[in-house]
PDB file of N, CA and C in Angstrom:
ATOM      1  N   VAL A   1     -12.424   9.297   5.908  1.00  0.00           N
ATOM      2  CA  VAL A   1     -12.039   7.673   6.274  1.00  0.00           C
ATOM      3  C   VAL A   1     -11.500   7.238   6.937  1.00  0.00           C
ATOM      4  N   GLN A   2     -11.272   5.889   8.214  1.00  0.00           N
ATOM      5  CA  GLN A   2     -10.488   5.607   8.964  1.00  0.00           C
ATOM      6  C   GLN A   2      -9.783   4.296   7.920  1.00  0.00           C
ATOM      7  N   LEU A   3      -8.743   4.484   8.135  1.00  0.00           N
ATOM      8  CA  LEU A   3      -7.827   3.019   7.635  1.00  0.00           C
ATOM      9  C   LEU A   3      -6.988   2.192   8.554  1.00  0.00           C
ATOM     10  N   GLN A   4      -6.664   1.258   8.444  1.00  0.00           N
ATOM     11  CA  GLN A   4      -5.902  -0.259   9.225  1.00  0.00           C
ATOM     12  C   GLN A   4      -5.734  -1.001   8.751  1.00  0.00           C
ATOM     13  N   ALA A   5      -4.390  -0.786   8.507  1.00  0.00           N
ATOM     14  CA  ALA A   5      -2.979  -2.007   8.047  1.00  0.00           C
ATOM     15  C   ALA A   5      -2.862  -3.194   8.636  1.00  0.00           C
ATOM     16  N   SER A   6      -2.708  -4.235   8.074  1.00  0.00           N
ATOM     17  CA  SER A   6      -2.468  -5.486   8.592  1.00  0.00           C
ATOM     18  C   SER A   6      -1.690  -6.028   7.398  1.00  0.00           C
ATOM     19  N   GLY A   7      -1.016  -7.139   8.008  1.00  0.00           N
ATOM     20  CA  GLY A   7      -0.256  -8.743   7.251  1.00  0.00           C
ATOM     21  C   GLY A   7       1.231  -8.423   7.442  1.00  0.00           C
ATOM     22  N   GLY A   8       1.866  -7.417   7.651  1.00  0.00           N
ATOM     23  CA  GLY A   8       2.548  -7.486   7.880  1.00  0.00           C
ATOM     24  C   GLY A   8       3.205  -8.764   8.730  1.00  0.00           C
ATOM     25  N   GLY A   9       4.965  -8.435   8.646  1.00  0.00           N
ATOM     26  CA  GLY A   9       5.898  -9.747   9.492  1.00  0.00           C
ATOM     27  C   GLY A   9       6.802  -9.658   9.220  1.00  0.00           C
ATOM     28  N   LEU A  10       7.519 -10.926   9.232  1.00  0.00           N
ATOM     29  CA  LEU A  10       8.819 -11.489   9.513  1.00  0.00           C
ATOM     30  C   LEU A  10       8.499 -11.981   7.893  1.00  0.00           C
ATOM     31  N   VAL A  11       9.763 -12.463   6.796  1.00  0.00           N
ATOM     32  CA  VAL A  11       9.726 -13.415   5.798  1.00  0.00           C
ATOM     33  C   VAL A  11      11.005 -12.891   5.611  1.00  0.00           C
ATOM     34  N   GLN A  12      11.222 -14.446   4.706  1.00  0.00           N
ATOM     35  CA  GLN A  12      12.793 -14.789   4.018  1.00  0.00           C
ATOM     36  C   GLN A  12      12.767 -13.751   2.603  1.00  0.00           C
ATOM     37  N   GLY A  13      13.646 -13.131   2.456  1.00  0.00           N
ATOM     38  CA  GLY A  13      14.047 -13.052   1.073  1.00  0.00           C
ATOM     39  C   GLY A  13      14.069 -13.992   0.099  1.00  0.00           C
ATOM     40  N   GLY A  14      13.172 -13.022  -0.867  1.00  0.00           N
ATOM     41  CA  GLY A  14      12.785 -13.875  -1.675  1.00  0.00           C
ATOM     42  C   GLY A  14      11.372 -15.066  -1.750  1.00  0.00           C
ATOM     43  N   GLY A  15      10.653 -14.774  -0.247  1.00  0.00           N
ATOM     44  CA  GLY A  15       9.167 -14.650  -0.106  1.00  0.00           C
ATOM     45  C   GLY A  15       8.338 -13.908  -0.408  1.00  0.00           C
ATOM     46  N   SER A  16       7.061 -14.284  -0.389  1.00  0.00           N
ATOM     47  CA  SER A  16       6.165 -13.615  -0.353  1.00  0.00           C
ATOM     48  C   SER A  16       5.177 -12.980   0.530  1.00  0.00           C
ATOM     49  N   LEU A  17       4.131 -11.878   0.727  1.00  0.00           N
ATOM     50  CA  LEU A  17       3.701 -11.596   1.667  1.00  0.00           C
ATOM     51  C   LEU A  17       2.379 -10.496   1.310  1.00  0.00           C
ATOM     52  N   THR A  18       1.337 -10.384   2.178  1.00  0.00           N
ATOM     53  CA  THR A  18       0.442  -9.677   1.054  1.00  0.00           C
ATOM     54  C   THR A  18      -0.216  -8.976   2.360  1.00  0.00           C
ATOM     55  N   LEU A  19      -0.527  -7.651   1.856  1.00  0.00           N
ATOM     56  CA  LEU A  19      -0.747  -6.836   2.755  1.00  0.00           C
ATOM     57  C   LEU A  19      -2.221  -6.321   2.592  1.00  0.00           C
ATOM     58  N   SER A  20      -2.999  -6.033   3.726  1.00  0.00           N
ATOM     59  CA  SER A  20      -4.244  -5.751   3.763  1.00  0.00           C
ATOM     60  C   SER A  20      -4.555  -4.247   4.385  1.00  0.00           C
ATOM     61  N   CYS A  21      -5.718  -3.554   3.725  1.00  0.00           N
ATOM     62  CA  CYS A  21      -6.270  -2.269   4.582  1.00  0.00           C
ATOM     63  C   CYS A  21      -7.606  -2.015   4.619  1.00  0.00           C
ATOM     64  N   ARG A  22      -8.056  -1.535   5.377  1.00  0.00           N
ATOM     65  CA  ARG A  22      -9.458  -1.601   5.660  1.00  0.00           C
ATOM     66  C   ARG A  22      -9.624  -0.296   5.786  1.00  0.00           C
ATOM     67  N   ALA A  23     -10.407   0.160   4.810  1.00  0.00           N
ATOM     68  CA  ALA A  23     -11.504   1.398   5.269  1.00  0.00           C
ATOM     69  C   ALA A  23     -12.691   1.321   6.069  1.00  0.00           C
ATOM     70  N   SER A  24     -13.105   2.402   6.901  1.00  0.00           N
ATOM     71  CA  SER A  24     -14.697   2.532   7.143  1.00  0.00           C
ATOM     72  C   SER A  24     -15.257   3.364   6.329  1.00  0.00           C
ATOM     73  N   GLY A  25     -16.619   3.407   6.751  1.00  0.00           N
ATOM     74  CA  GLY A  25     -17.447   4.317   5.738  1.00  0.00           C
ATOM     75  C   GLY A  25     -17.554   3.620   4.548  1.00  0.00           C
ATOM     76  N   ARG A  26     -19.099   4.645   4.110  1.00  0.00           N
ATOM     77  CA  ARG A  26     -19.567   4.296   2.795  1.00  0.00           C
ATOM     78  C   ARG A  26     -19.263   4.427   1.741  1.00  0.00           C
ATOM     79  N   THR A  27     -18.342   5.165   1.790  1.00  0.00           N
ATOM     80  CA  THR A  27     -18.092   6.146   0.035  1.00  0.00           C
ATOM     81  C   THR A  27     -16.656   5.516  -0.094  1.00  0.00           C
ATOM     82  N   PHE A  28     -16.122   4.416   0.329  1.00  0.00           N
ATOM     83  CA  PHE A  28     -14.949   3.926  -0.315  1.00  0.00           C
ATOM     84  C   PHE A  28     -14.530   4.177  -1.506  1.00  0.00           C
ATOM     85  N   SER A  29     -15.531   3.811  -2.003  1.00  0.00           N
ATOM     86  CA  SER A  29     -15.207   4.052  -3.776  1.00  0.00           C
ATOM     87  C   SER A  29     -14.830   4.613  -4.474  1.00  0.00           C
ATOM     88  N   ARG A  30     -14.642   6.339  -3.670  1.00  0.00           N
ATOM     89  CA  ARG A  30     -14.652   7.849  -3.838  1.00  0.00           C
ATOM     90  C   ARG A  30     -13.600   7.903  -3.559  1.00  0.00           C
ATOM     91  N   TYR A  31     -12.254   6.942  -2.992  1.00  0.00           N
ATOM     92  CA  TYR A  31     -11.178   7.627  -2.984  1.00  0.00           C
ATOM     93  C   TYR A  31     -10.547   6.616  -3.875  1.00  0.00           C
ATOM     94  N   ALA A  32      -9.043   7.457  -4.400  1.00  0.00           N
ATOM     95  CA  ALA A  32      -8.339   6.367  -4.877  1.00  0.00           C
ATOM     96  C   ALA A  32      -7.357   6.277  -3.356  1.00  0.00           C
ATOM     97  N   MET A  33      -6.396   5.177  -3.734  1.00  0.00           N
ATOM     98  CA  MET A  33      -5.539   4.153  -2.410  1.00  0.00           C
ATOM     99  C   MET A  33      -4.485   3.914  -3.234  1.00  0.00           C
ATOM    100  N   ALA A  34      -3.521   3.969  -2.842  1.00  0.00           N
ATOM    101  CA  ALA A  34      -2.248   3.548  -2.107  1.00  0.00           C
ATOM    102  C   ALA A  34      -1.680   3.510  -1.169  1.00  0.00           C
ATOM    103  N   TRP A  35      -0.429   2.882  -1.617  1.00  0.00           N
ATOM    104  CA  TRP A  35       0.803   2.408  -0.376  1.00  0.00           C
ATOM    105  C   TRP A  35       2.367   3.038  -0.193  1.00  0.00           C
ATOM    106  N   PHE A  36       2.632   3.034   0.869  1.00  0.00           N
ATOM    107  CA  PHE A  36       3.886   3.963   0.706  1.00  0.00           C
ATOM    108  C   PHE A  36       4.682   3.308   1.768  1.00  0.00           C
ATOM    109  N   ARG A  37       6.011   3.566   1.976  1.00  0.00           N
ATOM    110  CA  ARG A  37       6.465   2.714   2.936  1.00  0.00           C
ATOM    111  C   ARG A  37       7.655   3.437   3.030  1.00  0.00           C
ATOM    112  N   GLN A  38       8.121   3.169   4.540  1.00  0.00           N
ATOM    113  CA  GLN A  38       9.252   4.042   4.931  1.00  0.00           C
ATOM    114  C   GLN A  38      10.474   3.004   6.236  1.00  0.00           C
ATOM    115  N   ALA A  39      11.054   2.730   6.066  1.00  0.00           N
ATOM    116  CA  ALA A  39      12.730   2.723   6.233  1.00  0.00           C
ATOM    117  C   ALA A  39      13.012   3.178   7.390  1.00  0.00           C
ATOM    118  N   PRO A  40      13.988   2.520   8.495  1.00  0.00           N
ATOM    119  CA  PRO A  40      14.237   3.577   8.963  1.00  0.00           C
ATOM    120  C   PRO A  40      15.799   4.231   8.691  1.00  0.00           C
ATOM    121  N   GLY A  41      15.381   5.887   9.254  1.00  0.00           N
ATOM    122  CA  GLY A  41      16.158   6.483   8.801  1.00  0.00           C
ATOM    123  C   GLY A  41      16.111   6.958   7.459  1.00  0.00           C
ATOM    124  N   LYS A  42      15.270   6.797   6.882  1.00  0.00           N
ATOM    125  CA  LYS A  42      14.687   7.388   5.521  1.00  0.00           C
ATOM    126  C   LYS A  42      13.282   7.358   5.297  1.00  0.00           C
ATOM    127  N   GLU A  43      13.075   8.738   4.106  1.00  0.00           N
ATOM    128  CA  GLU A  43      11.950   9.407   4.029  1.00  0.00           C
ATOM    129  C   GLU A  43      11.129   8.438   3.518  1.00  0.00           C
ATOM    130  N   ARG A  44       9.267   8.688   3.819  1.00  0.00           N
ATOM    131  CA  ARG A  44       8.603   7.491   3.139  1.00  0.00           C
ATOM    132  C   ARG A  44       8.407   7.994   1.814  1.00  0.00           C
ATOM    133  N   GLU A  45       8.365   7.065   1.477  1.00  0.00           N
ATOM    134  CA  GLU A  45       7.886   6.730  -0.235  1.00  0.00           C
ATOM    135  C   GLU A  45       6.820   6.274  -0.622  1.00  0.00           C
ATOM    136  N   PHE A  46       6.699   6.783  -1.640  1.00  0.00           N
ATOM    137  CA  PHE A  46       5.501   6.036  -2.964  1.00  0.00           C
ATOM    138  C   PHE A  46       5.896   4.601  -3.142  1.00  0.00           C
ATOM    139  N   VAL A  47       4.604   3.559  -3.303  1.00  0.00           N
ATOM    140  CA  VAL A  47       4.927   2.274  -3.381  1.00  0.00           C
ATOM    141  C   VAL A  47       4.450   1.601  -4.366  1.00  0.00           C
ATOM    142  N   ALA A  48       2.484   2.108  -4.330  1.00  0.00           N
ATOM    143  CA  ALA A  48       1.836   1.793  -5.661  1.00  0.00           C
ATOM    144  C   ALA A  48       0.721   2.289  -4.871  1.00  0.00           C
ATOM    145  N   ALA A  49      -0.625   2.818  -6.320  1.00  0.00           N
ATOM    146  CA  ALA A  49      -1.875   3.496  -6.161  1.00  0.00           C
ATOM    147  C   ALA A  49      -2.450   2.974  -7.462  1.00  0.00           C
ATOM    148  N   LEU A  50      -3.806   3.498  -7.332  1.00  0.00           N
ATOM    149  CA  LEU A  50      -4.682   3.085  -7.733  1.00  0.00           C
ATOM    150  C   LEU A  50      -6.216   3.375  -7.973  1.00  0.00           C
ATOM    151  N   ASN A  51      -6.877   3.921  -8.660  1.00  0.00           N
ATOM    152  CA  ASN A  51      -8.347   4.725  -8.574  1.00  0.00           C
ATOM    153  C   ASN A  51      -8.670   4.064  -8.061  1.00  0.00           C
ATOM    154  N   TRP A  52     -10.275   4.530  -8.185  1.00  0.00           N
ATOM    155  CA  TRP A  52     -11.431   4.299  -7.378  1.00  0.00           C
ATOM    156  C   TRP A  52     -11.943   2.637  -7.994  1.00  0.00           C
ATOM    157  N   ASN A  53     -12.074   2.580  -9.375  1.00  0.00           N
ATOM    158  CA  ASN A  53     -12.429   1.677  -9.447  1.00  0.00           C
ATOM    159  C   ASN A  53     -11.580   0.382  -9.809  1.00  0.00           C
ATOM    160  N   GLY A  54     -10.234   0.475  -9.809  1.00  0.00           N
ATOM    161  CA  GLY A  54      -8.938  -0.351  -9.628  1.00  0.00           C
ATOM    162  C   GLY A  54      -8.532  -0.213 -11.069  1.00  0.00           C
ATOM    163  N   LEU A  55      -8.954   0.270 -12.459  1.00  0.00           N
ATOM    164  CA  LEU A  55      -8.780  -0.169 -13.414  1.00  0.00           C
ATOM    165  C   LEU A  55      -7.341   0.160 -13.413  1.00  0.00           C
ATOM    166  N   ASN A  56      -6.394   1.625 -12.966  1.00  0.00           N
ATOM    167  CA  ASN A  56      -5.669   2.443 -13.427  1.00  0.00           C
ATOM    168  C   ASN A  56      -4.598   2.342 -12.278  1.00  0.00           C
ATOM    169  N   THR A  57      -3.512   1.970 -12.590  1.00  0.00           N
ATOM    170  CA  THR A  57      -2.603   1.410 -11.455  1.00  0.00           C
ATOM    171  C   THR A  57      -1.247   2.304 -11.413  1.00  0.00           C
ATOM    172  N   TYR A  58      -0.482   2.295 -10.522  1.00  0.00           N
ATOM    173  CA  TYR A  58       0.684   3.283 -10.918  1.00  0.00           C
ATOM    174  C   TYR A  58       1.659   2.453 -10.028  1.00  0.00           C
ATOM    175  N   TYR A  59       2.902   2.462 -10.058  1.00  0.00           N
ATOM    176  CA  TYR A  59       3.859   1.972  -9.041  1.00  0.00           C
ATOM    177  C   TYR A  59       5.419   2.621  -9.278  1.00  0.00           C
ATOM    178  N   ALA A  60       5.853   2.499  -8.067  1.00  0.00           N
ATOM    179  CA  ALA A  60       7.418   2.898  -7.940  1.00  0.00           C
ATOM    180  C   ALA A  60       8.302   1.774  -9.231  1.00  0.00           C
ATOM    181  N   ASP A  61       9.117   2.164  -9.390  1.00  0.00           N
ATOM    182  CA  ASP A  61      10.041   1.538 -10.324  1.00  0.00           C
ATOM    183  C   ASP A  61      10.586   0.144  -9.599  1.00  0.00           C
ATOM    184  N   PHE A  62      10.925   0.362  -8.137  1.00  0.00           N
ATOM    185  CA  PHE A  62      11.451  -0.712  -7.513  1.00  0.00           C
ATOM    186  C   PHE A  62      10.214  -2.011  -7.411  1.00  0.00           C
ATOM    187  N   ALA A  63       8.637  -1.280  -7.309  1.00  0.00           N
ATOM    188  CA  ALA A  63       7.680  -2.417  -7.440  1.00  0.00           C
ATOM    189  C   ALA A  63       7.119  -3.077  -8.485  1.00  0.00           C
ATOM    190  N   LYS A  64       7.728  -2.232  -9.569  1.00  0.00           N
ATOM    191  CA  LYS A  64       7.044  -3.092 -10.893  1.00  0.00           C
ATOM    192  C   LYS A  64       7.593  -4.458 -10.967  1.00  0.00           C
ATOM    193  N   GLY A  65       6.275  -5.373 -11.244  1.00  0.00           N
ATOM    194  CA  GLY A  65       6.625  -6.416 -11.672  1.00  0.00           C
ATOM    195  C   GLY A  65       6.694  -7.536 -10.286  1.00  0.00           C
ATOM    196  N   ARG A  66       6.744  -6.956  -9.315  1.00  0.00           N
ATOM    197  CA  ARG A  66       7.200  -7.441  -8.004  1.00  0.00           C
ATOM    198  C   ARG A  66       6.084  -7.653  -7.491  1.00  0.00           C
ATOM    199  N   PHE A  67       5.352  -6.208  -6.978  1.00  0.00           N
ATOM    200  CA  PHE A  67       4.256  -5.942  -6.002  1.00  0.00           C
ATOM    201  C   PHE A  67       3.177  -5.724  -7.217  1.00  0.00           C
ATOM    202  N   THR A  68       1.649  -6.141  -6.170  1.00  0.00           N
ATOM    203  CA  THR A  68       0.685  -5.883  -7.406  1.00  0.00           C
ATOM    204  C   THR A  68      -0.718  -5.238  -5.944  1.00  0.00           C
ATOM    205  N   ILE A  69      -1.261  -3.885  -6.334  1.00  0.00           N
ATOM    206  CA  ILE A  69      -2.060  -3.616  -6.130  1.00  0.00           C
ATOM    207  C   ILE A  69      -3.291  -3.752  -6.183  1.00  0.00           C
ATOM    208  N   SER A  70      -4.218  -3.982  -5.578  1.00  0.00           N
ATOM    209  CA  SER A  70      -5.892  -4.265  -5.830  1.00  0.00           C
ATOM    210  C   SER A  70      -6.383  -3.890  -4.695  1.00  0.00           C
ATOM    211  N   ARG A  71      -8.309  -3.862  -4.785  1.00  0.00           N
ATOM    212  CA  ARG A  71      -8.522  -3.807  -4.245  1.00  0.00           C
ATOM    213  C   ARG A  71     -10.314  -3.871  -4.834  1.00  0.00           C
ATOM    214  N   ASP A  72     -10.879  -4.137  -3.418  1.00  0.00           N
ATOM    215  CA  ASP A  72     -12.188  -4.761  -3.308  1.00  0.00           C
ATOM    216  C   ASP A  72     -13.255  -3.588  -2.761  1.00  0.00           C
ATOM    217  N   ASN A  73     -13.606  -3.037  -3.501  1.00  0.00           N
ATOM    218  CA  ASN A  73     -15.122  -1.788  -3.374  1.00  0.00           C
ATOM    219  C   ASN A  73     -15.823  -2.429  -2.111  1.00  0.00           C
ATOM    220  N   ALA A  74     -16.838  -3.515  -2.596  1.00  0.00           N
ATOM    221  CA  ALA A  74     -17.348  -4.596  -1.879  1.00  0.00           C
ATOM    222  C   ALA A  74     -17.343  -5.031  -0.374  1.00  0.00           C
ATOM    223  N   LYS A  75     -15.605  -4.575  -0.206  1.00  0.00           N
ATOM    224  CA  LYS A  75     -15.540  -5.033   0.893  1.00  0.00           C
ATOM    225  C   LYS A  75     -15.019  -3.753   1.918  1.00  0.00           C
ATOM    226  N   ASN A  76     -14.497  -2.746   0.979  1.00  0.00           N
ATOM    227  CA  ASN A  76     -13.794  -1.468   1.352  1.00  0.00           C
ATOM    228  C   ASN A  76     -12.287  -2.268   1.534  1.00  0.00           C
ATOM    229  N   MET A  77     -11.288  -2.854   0.760  1.00  0.00           N
ATOM    230  CA  MET A  77     -10.481  -3.342   1.324  1.00  0.00           C
ATOM    231  C   MET A  77      -9.334  -3.060   0.248  1.00  0.00           C
ATOM    232  N   VAL A  78      -7.914  -2.739   0.475  1.00  0.00           N
ATOM    233  CA  VAL A  78      -6.979  -2.641  -0.434  1.00  0.00           C
ATOM    234  C   VAL A  78      -5.856  -3.523  -0.350  1.00  0.00           C
ATOM    235  N   TYR A  79      -5.451  -3.847  -1.154  1.00  0.00           N
ATOM    236  CA  TYR A  79      -3.984  -5.228  -0.767  1.00  0.00           C
ATOM    237  C   TYR A  79      -3.283  -4.699  -1.618  1.00  0.00           C
ATOM    238  N   LEU A  80      -2.113  -5.225  -0.834  1.00  0.00           N
ATOM    239  CA  LEU A  80      -0.664  -5.083  -1.795  1.00  0.00           C
ATOM    240  C   LEU A  80       0.044  -6.256  -1.534  1.00  0.00           C
ATOM    241  N   GLN A  81       0.286  -7.360  -2.584  1.00  0.00           N
ATOM    242  CA  GLN A  81       0.976  -8.531  -2.873  1.00  0.00           C
ATOM    243  C   GLN A  81       2.169  -8.370  -3.581  1.00  0.00           C
ATOM    244  N   MET A  82       2.767  -8.902  -2.473  1.00  0.00           N
ATOM    245  CA  MET A  82       4.716  -8.420  -2.806  1.00  0.00           C
ATOM    246  C   MET A  82       5.053 -10.265  -2.756  1.00  0.00           C
ATOM    247  N   ASN A  83       5.372  -9.894  -4.491  1.00  0.00           N
ATOM    248  CA  ASN A  83       6.452 -10.970  -4.549  1.00  0.00           C
ATOM    249  C   ASN A  83       7.639 -10.819  -4.417  1.00  0.00           C
ATOM    250  N   SER A  84       8.974 -11.588  -4.591  1.00  0.00           N
ATOM    251  CA  SER A  84      10.596 -12.063  -4.605  1.00  0.00           C
ATOM    252  C   SER A  84      10.963 -10.656  -4.093  1.00  0.00           C
ATOM    253  N   LEU A  85      10.817 -10.810  -2.634  1.00  0.00           N
ATOM    254  CA  LEU A  85      10.940  -9.981  -1.582  1.00  0.00           C
ATOM    255  C   LEU A  85      12.353  -9.895  -1.119  1.00  0.00           C
ATOM    256  N   LYS A  86      13.067  -8.826  -1.028  1.00  0.00           N
ATOM    257  CA  LYS A  86      14.101  -8.252  -0.687  1.00  0.00           C
ATOM    258  C   LYS A  86      14.286  -7.634   0.539  1.00  0.00           C
ATOM    259  N   SER A  87      15.810  -7.482   1.146  1.00  0.00           N
ATOM    260  CA  SER A  87      15.938  -7.119   2.738  1.00  0.00           C
ATOM    261  C   SER A  87      15.450  -5.669   2.224  1.00  0.00           C
ATOM    262  N   GLU A  88      16.164  -4.979   1.111  1.00  0.00           N
ATOM    263  CA  GLU A  88      15.277  -3.764   0.993  1.00  0.00           C
ATOM    264  C   GLU A  88      14.524  -3.274   1.400  1.00  0.00           C
ATOM    265  N   ASP A  89      13.307  -4.459   1.274  1.00  0.00           N
ATOM    266  CA  ASP A  89      11.666  -3.610   1.115  1.00  0.00           C
ATOM    267  C   ASP A  89      11.177  -3.397   2.970  1.00  0.00           C
ATOM    268  N   THR A  90      12.183  -4.036   3.246  1.00  0.00           N
ATOM    269  CA  THR A  90      12.245  -4.106   5.093  1.00  0.00           C
ATOM    270  C   THR A  90      11.606  -2.523   5.590  1.00  0.00           C
ATOM    271  N   ALA A  91      10.596  -2.320   5.529  1.00  0.00           N
ATOM    272  CA  ALA A  91      10.575  -1.263   6.071  1.00  0.00           C
ATOM    273  C   ALA A  91       8.473  -1.422   7.091  1.00  0.00           C
ATOM    274  N   VAL A  92       8.533  -0.342   7.114  1.00  0.00           N
ATOM    275  CA  VAL A  92       6.728  -0.159   7.997  1.00  0.00           C
ATOM    276  C   VAL A  92       6.030   0.721   7.056  1.00  0.00           C
ATOM    277  N   TYR A  93       5.123  -0.323   6.396  1.00  0.00           N
ATOM    278  CA  TYR A  93       4.098   0.186   4.902  1.00  0.00           C
ATOM    279  C   TYR A  93       2.975   0.364   5.297  1.00  0.00           C
ATOM    280  N   TYR A  94       2.301   2.038   4.889  1.00  0.00           N
ATOM    281  CA  TYR A  94       1.403   2.686   5.347  1.00  0.00           C
ATOM    282  C   TYR A  94       0.403   2.502   3.836  1.00  0.00           C
ATOM    283  N   CYS A  95      -1.205   2.637   4.150  1.00  0.00           N
ATOM    284  CA  CYS A  95      -2.083   2.545   3.343  1.00  0.00           C
ATOM    285  C   CYS A  95      -3.048   3.704   3.621  1.00  0.00           C
ATOM    286  N   ALA A  96      -2.975   4.815   2.392  1.00  0.00           N
ATOM    287  CA  ALA A  96      -3.313   6.091   2.232  1.00  0.00           C
ATOM    288  C   ALA A  96      -4.223   6.068   1.392  1.00  0.00           C
ATOM    289  N   ALA A  97      -5.233   7.183   1.682  1.00  0.00           N
ATOM    290  CA  ALA A  97      -6.496   7.043   0.756  1.00  0.00           C
ATOM    291  C   ALA A  97      -6.569   9.014   0.756  1.00  0.00           C
ATOM    292  N   GLU A  98      -6.931   9.277  -0.741  1.00  0.00           N
ATOM    293  CA  GLU A  98      -7.165  10.372  -1.114  1.00  0.00           C
ATOM    294  C   GLU A  98      -8.172  10.829  -2.200  1.00  0.00           C
ATOM    295  N   TYR A  99      -9.394  11.141  -1.202  1.00  0.00           N
ATOM    296  CA  TYR A  99     -10.713  11.567  -1.741  1.00  0.00           C
ATOM    297  C   TYR A  99     -10.902  11.533  -2.907  1.00  0.00           C
ATOM    298  N   MET A 100     -11.915  11.324  -4.106  1.00  0.00           N
ATOM    299  CA  MET A 100     -11.546  11.918  -5.484  1.00  0.00           C
ATOM    300  C   MET A 100     -10.581  11.541  -6.413  1.00  0.00           C
ATOM    301  N   GLY A 101      -9.958  11.248  -6.141  1.00  0.00           N
ATOM    302  CA  GLY A 101      -8.538  11.474  -6.739  1.00  0.00           C
ATOM    303  C   GLY A 101      -7.746  10.876  -7.707  1.00  0.00           C
ATOM    304  N   THR A 102      -6.982  10.290  -8.489  1.00  0.00           N
ATOM    305  CA  THR A 102      -6.512   9.639  -8.640  1.00  0.00           C
ATOM    306  C   THR A 102      -5.563   8.677  -8.456  1.00  0.00           C
ATOM    307  N   TRP A 103      -4.299   8.418  -9.316  1.00  0.00           N
ATOM    308  CA  TRP A 103      -3.437   7.553  -8.248  1.00  0.00           C
ATOM    309  C   TRP A 103      -2.118   8.159  -8.145  1.00  0.00           C
ATOM    310  N   SER A 104      -2.425   9.383  -7.903  1.00  0.00           N
ATOM    311  CA  SER A 104      -1.236   9.889  -7.931  1.00  0.00           C
ATOM    312  C   SER A 104       0.435   8.875  -6.690  1.00  0.00           C
ATOM    313  N   ALA A 105       1.322   9.558  -6.741  1.00  0.00           N
ATOM    314  CA  ALA A 105       2.229   9.400  -6.511  1.00  0.00           C
ATOM    315  C   ALA A 105       2.699  10.233  -5.057  1.00  0.00           C
ATOM    316  N   GLN A 106       2.242  11.273  -4.714  1.00  0.00           N
ATOM    317  CA  GLN A 106       2.749  12.343  -4.484  1.00  0.00           C
ATOM    318  C   GLN A 106       1.816  12.140  -2.796  1.00  0.00           C
ATOM    319  N   ILE A 107       2.992  12.603  -2.024  1.00  0.00           N
ATOM    320  CA  ILE A 107       2.368  11.855  -0.288  1.00  0.00           C
ATOM    321  C   ILE A 107       1.115  13.203   0.203  1.00  0.00           C
ATOM    322  N   TYR A 108       1.512  14.440  -0.481  1.00  0.00           N
ATOM    323  CA  TYR A 108       0.843  15.255   0.191  1.00  0.00           C
ATOM    324  C   TYR A 108      -0.807  15.504  -0.603  1.00  0.00           C
ATOM    325  N   GLU A 109      -1.220  14.292  -1.588  1.00  0.00           N
ATOM    326  CA  GLU A 109      -2.159  14.577  -1.967  1.00  0.00           C
ATOM    327  C   GLU A 109      -3.179  13.567  -1.479  1.00  0.00           C
ATOM    328  N   TYR A 110      -2.324  12.770  -0.669  1.00  0.00           N
ATOM    329  CA  TYR A 110      -3.395  11.956   0.440  1.00  0.00           C
ATOM    330  C   TYR A 110      -3.782  12.659   2.170  1.00  0.00           C
ATOM    331  N   GLU A 111      -5.000  12.530   2.237  1.00  0.00           N
ATOM    332  CA  GLU A 111      -5.789  13.047   3.420  1.00  0.00           C
ATOM    333  C   GLU A 111      -5.506  12.152   4.718  1.00  0.00           C
ATOM    334  N   TYR A 112      -6.155  10.387   4.043  1.00  0.00           N
ATOM    335  CA  TYR A 112      -6.159   9.654   5.258  1.00  0.00           C
ATOM    336  C   TYR A 112      -5.091   8.640   5.047  1.00  0.00           C
ATOM    337  N   TRP A 113      -4.728   8.748   6.189  1.00  0.00           N
ATOM    338  CA  TRP A 113      -3.477   7.194   6.777  1.00  0.00           C
ATOM    339  C   TRP A 113      -4.104   6.338   7.305  1.00  0.00           C
ATOM    340  N   GLY A 114      -3.417   5.018   7.239  1.00  0.00           N
ATOM    341  CA  GLY A 114      -3.341   4.034   8.174  1.00  0.00           C
ATOM    342  C   GLY A 114      -1.779   4.170   9.174  1.00  0.00           C
ATOM    343  N   GLN A 115      -2.229   3.361  10.230  1.00  0.00           N
ATOM    344  CA  GLN A 115      -1.360   3.221  11.374  1.00  0.00           C
ATOM    345  C   GLN A 115       0.067   2.757  10.779  1.00  0.00           C
ATOM    346  N   GLY A 116       0.288   1.899  10.083  1.00  0.00           N
ATOM    347  CA  GLY A 116       1.338   1.057   9.322  1.00  0.00           C
ATOM    348  C   GLY A 116       1.621  -0.288   9.618  1.00  0.00           C
ATOM    349  N   THR A 117       1.769  -0.959   8.964  1.00  0.00           N
ATOM    350  CA  THR A 117       2.448  -2.501   9.429  1.00  0.00           C
ATOM    351  C   THR A 117       3.837  -2.778   8.866  1.00  0.00           C
ATOM    352  N   GLN A 118       4.328  -3.430   9.791  1.00  0.00           N
ATOM    353  CA  GLN A 118       5.601  -3.639   9.822  1.00  0.00           C
ATOM    354  C   GLN A 118       6.041  -5.181   8.940  1.00  0.00           C
ATOM    355  N   VAL A 119       6.873  -4.854   7.604  1.00  0.00           N
ATOM    356  CA  VAL A 119       7.377  -5.835   6.756  1.00  0.00           C
ATOM    357  C   VAL A 119       8.883  -5.833   7.279  1.00  0.00           C
ATOM    358  N   THR A 120       9.473  -6.764   8.065  1.00  0.00           N
ATOM    359  CA  THR A 120      10.726  -7.351   7.777  1.00  0.00           C
ATOM    360  C   THR A 120      11.328  -8.335   6.807  1.00  0.00           C
ATOM    361  N   VAL A 121      12.264  -8.013   5.876  1.00  0.00           N
ATOM    362  CA  VAL A 121      12.518  -9.398   5.112  1.00  0.00           C
ATOM    363  C   VAL A 121      14.032  -9.646   5.669  1.00  0.00           C
ATOM    364  N   SER A 122      14.313 -10.885   5.857  1.00  0.00           N
ATOM    365  CA  SER A 122      15.623 -11.456   5.946  1.00  0.00           C
ATOM    366  C   SER A 122      16.367 -11.568   5.121  1.00  0.00           C
ATOM    367  N   SER A 123      17.740 -11.512   5.065  1.00  0.00           N
ATOM    368  CA  SER A 123      18.655 -12.108   4.003  1.00  0.00           C
ATOM    369  C   SER A 123      18.756 -13.415   4.214  1.00  0.00           C
TER     370      SER A 123
END
C-alpha cells in the first residue's frame, strides 16, 4: 500500500487542523492505521492508531481529548482531527499502515509510511 499524507500547515495556538492520509490499493480495510510525528531533533513518536474498522482506537497521552483518529474504508482514507493545538505539537506528521495489524503504538509494527506533512503551531 502507498500512503500520501496531506493537510498540514501553519495554525495559531488553540486552533484546529485535520490531517488526511490517502491509501492506494484495494485491501485498505485489512490495515491498521496510525499517525506518528517527529519534531526537529527528536525521535519519531506515536500519536494515535485504529484498527481495520475504526472501532478500536488508541492515543498517546498528549493526544487524548484533543486529537481524534478516524477512517473511511470506502474512500481509503484515514484522518487526524487535531484541536486545541499547542506549540509543542509542531512536527512532521506521518501516517503508517500495518497489514492485518491491531492498533499498536510501536513504530516497528508498521510496514508502510507516508511522506509526512508539516504542522506548525505558532504561539
